Protein backbone atom coordinates (compact mmCIF):
# COMPACT_ATOMS: atom_id res chain seq x y z
CA MET A 1 0.25 0.27 -0.12
CA GLY A 2 1.70 3.72 -0.56
CA LEU A 3 2.13 6.37 1.21
CA PHE A 4 -1.21 8.37 0.37
CA ASP A 5 -3.04 5.43 -0.69
CA ALA A 6 -6.63 5.61 1.48
CA LYS A 7 -6.97 3.48 4.31
CA TYR A 8 -9.72 1.63 6.31
CA CYS A 9 -11.03 0.35 9.04
CA SER A 10 -10.17 -3.26 9.74
CA ILE A 11 -13.46 -3.61 11.82
CA CYS A 12 -16.32 -1.38 10.05
CA GLY A 13 -14.23 -0.86 6.70
CA ASN A 14 -15.11 2.97 7.21
CA LYS A 15 -12.50 5.07 5.41
CA LEU A 16 -9.46 6.65 8.20
CA GLY A 17 -9.85 10.44 8.63
CA LEU A 18 -6.71 12.00 9.20
CA LEU A 19 -7.52 12.08 13.02
CA GLY A 20 -8.46 9.81 15.58
CA THR A 21 -7.75 6.52 14.44
CA THR A 22 -5.59 3.94 16.36
CA LYS A 23 -3.06 1.85 14.63
CA LEU A 24 -2.94 -1.61 15.11
CA GLU A 25 -0.26 -4.35 14.66
CA ASP A 26 -2.13 -5.58 11.52
CA GLY A 27 -4.83 -2.98 10.55
CA TYR A 28 -6.40 0.41 11.45
CA LEU A 29 -9.21 1.71 13.98
CA CYS A 30 -11.22 4.30 12.74
CA LYS A 31 -12.49 7.51 14.93
CA ASP A 32 -15.81 5.79 15.61
CA CYS A 33 -14.51 2.55 16.31
CA THR A 34 -11.62 3.96 18.55
CA HIS A 35 -14.41 6.03 20.61
CA LYS A 36 -15.67 2.63 21.50
CA LEU A 37 -12.60 1.47 24.00
CA SER A 38 -12.38 1.22 27.04
CA PRO A 39 -10.32 3.92 28.66
CA TYR A 40 -8.32 1.11 29.68
CA PHE A 41 -7.58 -0.57 26.52
CA PRO A 42 -3.37 -1.02 26.42
CA ARG A 43 -3.14 0.61 22.78
CA ARG A 44 0.23 -0.75 22.30
CA HIS A 45 0.44 -4.07 20.54
CA GLN A 46 -2.32 -4.81 20.02
CA THR A 47 -4.01 -7.08 16.53
CA VAL A 48 -7.32 -6.49 14.25
CA GLU A 49 -8.62 -10.31 16.40
CA THR A 50 -7.99 -8.71 19.84
CA ALA A 51 -9.50 -5.51 19.52
CA LYS A 52 -12.69 -7.82 17.90
CA GLN A 53 -12.45 -8.90 20.98
CA HIS A 54 -12.46 -6.22 23.41
CA LEU A 55 -15.30 -4.31 21.45
CA ALA A 56 -17.89 -7.43 21.85
CA TYR A 57 -16.95 -7.05 25.56
CA ARG A 58 -17.23 -3.41 25.23
CA GLN A 59 -21.11 -4.44 23.61
CA GLU A 60 -21.90 -6.86 26.43
CA ASN A 61 -20.94 -3.91 28.79
CA ALA A 62 -23.26 -1.80 27.39
CA ALA A 63 -26.34 -3.99 27.64
CA ARG A 64 -25.54 -4.85 31.52
CA LEU A 65 -24.98 -1.18 32.19
CA PRO A 66 -28.89 -0.22 32.51
CA HIS A 67 -29.75 -3.54 34.94
CA LEU A 68 -27.14 -1.70 37.74
CA ASN A 69 -28.70 -0.05 40.75
CA LEU A 70 -25.95 2.75 41.63
CA THR A 71 -26.60 3.47 44.70
CA ALA A 72 -23.71 5.07 46.13
CA THR A 73 -21.35 7.75 44.24
CA TYR A 74 -17.79 9.05 45.13
CA GLY A 75 -16.00 12.02 43.76
CA ASP A 76 -16.07 15.11 41.99
CA THR A 77 -13.97 14.47 38.75
CA GLN A 78 -13.48 10.90 38.21
CA LYS A 79 -16.29 9.51 40.10
CA ILE A 80 -16.72 5.98 41.17
CA MET A 81 -20.29 4.82 41.22
CA VAL A 82 -20.96 1.55 43.17
CA ASP A 83 -24.00 -1.20 43.04
CA GLU A 84 -23.73 -2.04 46.44
CA GLU A 85 -26.05 -4.84 46.39
CA LYS A 86 -24.38 -6.74 43.61
CA LYS A 87 -21.06 -5.15 44.94
CA LEU A 88 -20.08 -3.76 41.13
CA PHE A 89 -18.67 -0.44 40.47
CA VAL A 90 -18.30 1.49 37.15
CA ILE A 91 -15.73 4.38 37.15
CA SER A 92 -16.83 7.73 34.62
CA ARG A 93 -16.32 11.34 34.40
CA SER A 94 -20.47 11.62 33.24
CA SER A 95 -23.13 10.65 35.25
CA ASP A 96 -24.88 9.26 32.18
CA VAL A 97 -23.03 6.13 32.67
CA THR A 98 -25.79 4.60 29.81
CA ARG A 99 -23.99 6.69 26.89
CA SER A 100 -20.48 6.92 28.17
CA ASN A 101 -20.40 2.98 29.23
CA PRO A 102 -17.91 2.84 32.00
CA ASP A 103 -16.50 -0.75 32.51
CA ILE A 104 -18.43 -2.39 34.99
CA PHE A 105 -16.07 -3.86 37.79
CA ARG A 106 -16.40 -6.75 40.05
CA PHE A 107 -15.42 -6.11 43.98
CA ALA A 108 -13.95 -9.20 44.20
CA ASP A 109 -12.01 -8.95 41.07
CA VAL A 110 -10.10 -5.93 42.57
CA LEU A 111 -6.38 -6.93 43.32
CA SER A 112 -5.75 -3.84 45.44
CA ILE A 113 -6.44 -0.42 45.99
CA ALA A 114 -4.92 2.24 47.42
CA LYS A 115 -5.18 5.80 48.36
CA GLU A 116 -3.11 8.68 46.74
CA VAL A 117 -3.23 12.06 48.59
CA LYS A 118 -1.67 14.88 46.65
CA GLU A 119 -0.39 17.88 49.63
CA ASP A 120 1.20 21.07 48.33
CA ALA A 121 2.13 24.43 50.91
CA GLU A 122 2.92 27.48 48.58
CA GLU A 123 3.83 30.71 50.62
CA LEU A 124 2.07 34.01 50.21
CA PHE A 125 3.98 37.40 50.25
CA ASP A 126 3.13 40.53 51.00
CA LYS A 127 5.07 43.81 49.63
CA ASP A 128 6.80 46.37 51.62
CA SER A 129 6.54 50.18 51.15
CA GLU A 130 9.15 49.76 47.97
CA GLY A 131 7.09 47.58 46.57
CA LYS A 132 9.51 44.36 47.29
CA LYS A 133 7.96 41.02 47.98
CA VAL A 134 8.58 40.02 51.40
CA SER A 135 7.18 37.29 53.79
CA PHE A 136 4.27 37.93 56.70
CA ASP A 137 5.18 37.57 60.00
CA PRO A 138 4.00 35.39 60.97
CA PRO A 139 4.20 33.69 57.07
CA LYS A 140 1.39 33.07 55.46
CA PHE A 141 0.41 30.19 53.16
CA GLU A 142 -2.11 28.15 50.71
CA TYR A 143 -2.44 24.62 51.30
CA SER A 144 -3.73 22.48 48.34
CA SER A 145 -4.83 18.71 48.41
CA SER A 146 -6.41 16.48 46.12
CA PHE A 147 -7.39 12.71 46.25
CA GLY A 148 -7.52 9.78 44.53
CA VAL A 149 -7.11 5.91 44.33
CA LYS A 150 -4.99 3.52 42.57
CA MET A 151 -6.14 0.31 41.76
CA SER A 152 -4.94 -3.10 40.12
CA VAL A 153 -7.46 -5.39 38.86
CA ARG A 154 -8.19 -9.09 37.50
CA ASN A 155 -9.64 -8.20 33.63
CA GLU A 156 -8.54 -9.63 30.77
CA HIS A 157 -10.03 -6.92 28.54
CA ILE A 158 -8.13 -4.12 30.01
CA THR A 159 -4.77 -2.61 31.90
CA ASP A 160 -4.52 -3.97 35.11
CA GLU A 161 -3.55 -1.28 37.10
CA PHE A 162 -4.74 2.38 36.67
CA LYS A 163 -5.42 5.46 38.44
CA VAL A 164 -8.88 7.28 39.69
CA ASP A 165 -8.79 10.91 40.54
CA LEU A 166 -11.83 11.08 42.77
CA PHE A 167 -11.33 14.96 44.23
CA SER A 168 -9.67 17.84 42.29
CA GLU A 169 -7.53 19.80 43.59
CA LYS A 170 -8.47 22.56 46.40
CA THR A 171 -7.08 25.10 48.05
CA SER A 172 -7.23 26.45 51.69
CA ASP A 173 -5.85 29.08 54.43
CA GLU A 174 -5.43 25.46 56.39
CA PRO A 175 -3.81 22.63 56.27
CA HIS A 176 -5.89 20.71 56.73
CA ASP A 177 -9.78 21.96 56.88
CA ASP A 178 -13.25 20.56 57.22
CA GLU A 179 -13.16 19.87 53.32
CA TYR A 180 -9.54 18.26 53.63
CA PHE A 181 -11.34 15.85 56.27
CA LYS A 182 -14.90 15.18 54.31
CA ARG A 183 -12.41 14.37 51.16
CA ASN A 184 -10.31 11.53 53.03
CA TYR A 185 -13.34 10.62 54.93
CA LEU A 186 -14.89 9.53 51.49
CA THR A 187 -11.38 8.47 49.82
CA ASN A 188 -11.21 5.93 53.04
CA GLU A 189 -15.01 4.71 52.58
CA VAL A 190 -15.25 4.35 49.45
CA ILE A 191 -11.98 1.53 49.70
CA ASN A 192 -13.25 -0.07 52.61
CA LEU A 193 -16.43 -0.55 50.74
CA ILE A 194 -14.92 -2.10 47.72
CA LYS A 195 -12.08 -4.05 49.51
CA PRO A 196 -13.33 -4.22 53.63
CA GLY A 197 -10.30 -2.67 55.50
CA THR A 198 -7.79 -2.02 53.52
CA VAL A 199 -7.49 1.56 54.77
CA ASN A 200 -8.07 3.39 58.50
CA ASP A 201 -9.26 7.03 58.70
CA ASP A 202 -7.24 7.60 61.07
CA PRO A 203 -6.64 10.98 62.07
CA VAL A 204 -4.40 13.19 60.21
CA PRO A 205 -1.01 13.91 62.27
CA ASP A 206 -0.21 17.45 64.36
CA VAL A 207 -4.56 18.26 64.43
CA PRO A 208 -5.80 18.58 67.48
CA ALA A 209 -9.23 16.34 68.66
CA ASP A 210 -12.41 17.04 67.81
CA PRO A 211 -13.87 17.29 71.00
CA VAL A 212 -17.09 15.76 69.78
CA GLN A 213 -15.23 12.77 68.42
CA THR A 214 -14.40 12.15 72.29
CA ALA A 215 -18.10 12.83 73.79
CA PRO A 216 -18.00 9.94 76.75
CA SER A 217 -21.11 8.13 78.06
CA THR A 218 -22.54 8.92 81.33
CA GLY A 219 -24.22 5.77 83.00
CA ARG A 220 -28.02 5.62 81.68
CA TYR A 221 -26.80 9.20 79.20
CA VAL A 222 -25.51 8.59 76.16
CA CYS A 223 -24.47 11.23 73.66
CA TYR A 224 -26.21 11.15 70.15
CA ILE A 225 -25.93 13.86 66.92
CA ARG A 226 -28.73 14.18 64.43
CA CYS A 227 -27.58 15.74 61.19
CA ALA A 228 -28.62 19.07 60.17
CA LYS A 229 -28.40 17.89 56.79
CA CYS A 230 -30.05 14.65 56.39
CA GLY A 231 -31.21 13.54 59.97
CA THR A 232 -29.90 10.73 60.39
CA LEU A 233 -29.57 9.72 64.25
CA ILE A 234 -26.54 8.18 65.88
CA GLU A 235 -25.89 7.09 68.98
CA GLY A 236 -22.90 7.72 70.75
CA PRO A 237 -20.23 7.82 73.25
CA ALA A 238 -17.55 7.53 69.66
CA ILE A 239 -19.23 10.66 67.86
CA PRO A 240 -17.65 10.67 63.77
CA ARG A 241 -16.15 13.43 62.55
CA PHE A 242 -18.82 13.47 59.51
CA CYS A 243 -22.35 12.02 59.19
CA PRO A 244 -22.04 7.96 57.51
CA GLU A 245 -25.07 8.85 55.21
CA CYS A 246 -24.26 12.21 53.58
CA ALA A 247 -21.13 13.31 55.01
CA ASP A 248 -21.70 16.57 56.12
CA PRO A 249 -19.43 17.77 58.88
CA VAL A 250 -20.46 17.28 62.43
CA THR A 251 -20.79 19.95 64.63
CA LEU A 252 -21.20 20.67 68.46
CA GLU A 253 -24.96 21.81 67.87
CA ASP A 254 -25.40 18.14 66.18
CA ILE A 255 -24.87 16.61 69.75
CA GLY A 256 -27.76 15.66 72.10
CA VAL A 257 -28.46 13.79 74.93
CA ILE A 258 -30.63 10.00 75.34
CA ASP A 259 -31.95 9.30 78.37
CA THR A 260 -31.44 5.17 77.81
CA GLU A 261 -33.77 4.33 80.25
CA SER A 262 -36.85 6.53 79.17
CA GLY A 263 -35.89 6.86 75.98
CA ASP A 264 -36.42 10.51 75.75
CA ILE A 265 -34.10 12.77 74.13
CA LEU A 266 -33.08 15.25 76.73
CA VAL A 267 -30.88 18.12 74.36
């Protein structure tokens, strides 16, 4: 075949365009067929036959998506959406999974999953009387953080190890504010949902313990929280930092006391 001869897709037979095509070891995929590939399909060293097998798998995957009951979603960049009953999950930037056709993974196929946190601190500067950049006294910083996971899976149709960017970078004037703890909590929660016991929701070092986390039981009286956002009621004595239902931060205003003998809510 000459350099300027027309080339055609080895799957559907359509004429190839200038952009969006995929080169195979023994052929080509057009833009439309390339678009149907999983984002985790390894592009190198693939043949027409392996591409056909992968596209058949993708058709089967698309047919299964409408039958999922995605009961929980984690992330604001890439989202991990979970069918808790069937123990399945998908990863997608779009909430319309029937259109984006994300790969369906089984919890049991996850070989490993680990949290990845990126943190940075950048000093902020003032200007002196001559307009020169000088440090504040005491120094001030802008802190940034993002959360994701790295996982390896057992699936013959895709790359077996990849990263998922769950929560995009956000900045704050505190190293670990409420938003940081909320994102950390949710990242730990989805990891433990998929692979229980993988990670503990340990407090970040050098941050004083919040009094609501150590609220003691006083005989017949037990502390509780009632989430102001969703109304979930949780009995103490261990009071979580975030509501386990909606992940809204728990504040002192959410705390009350229950009389365990009468069942009355006293506060």
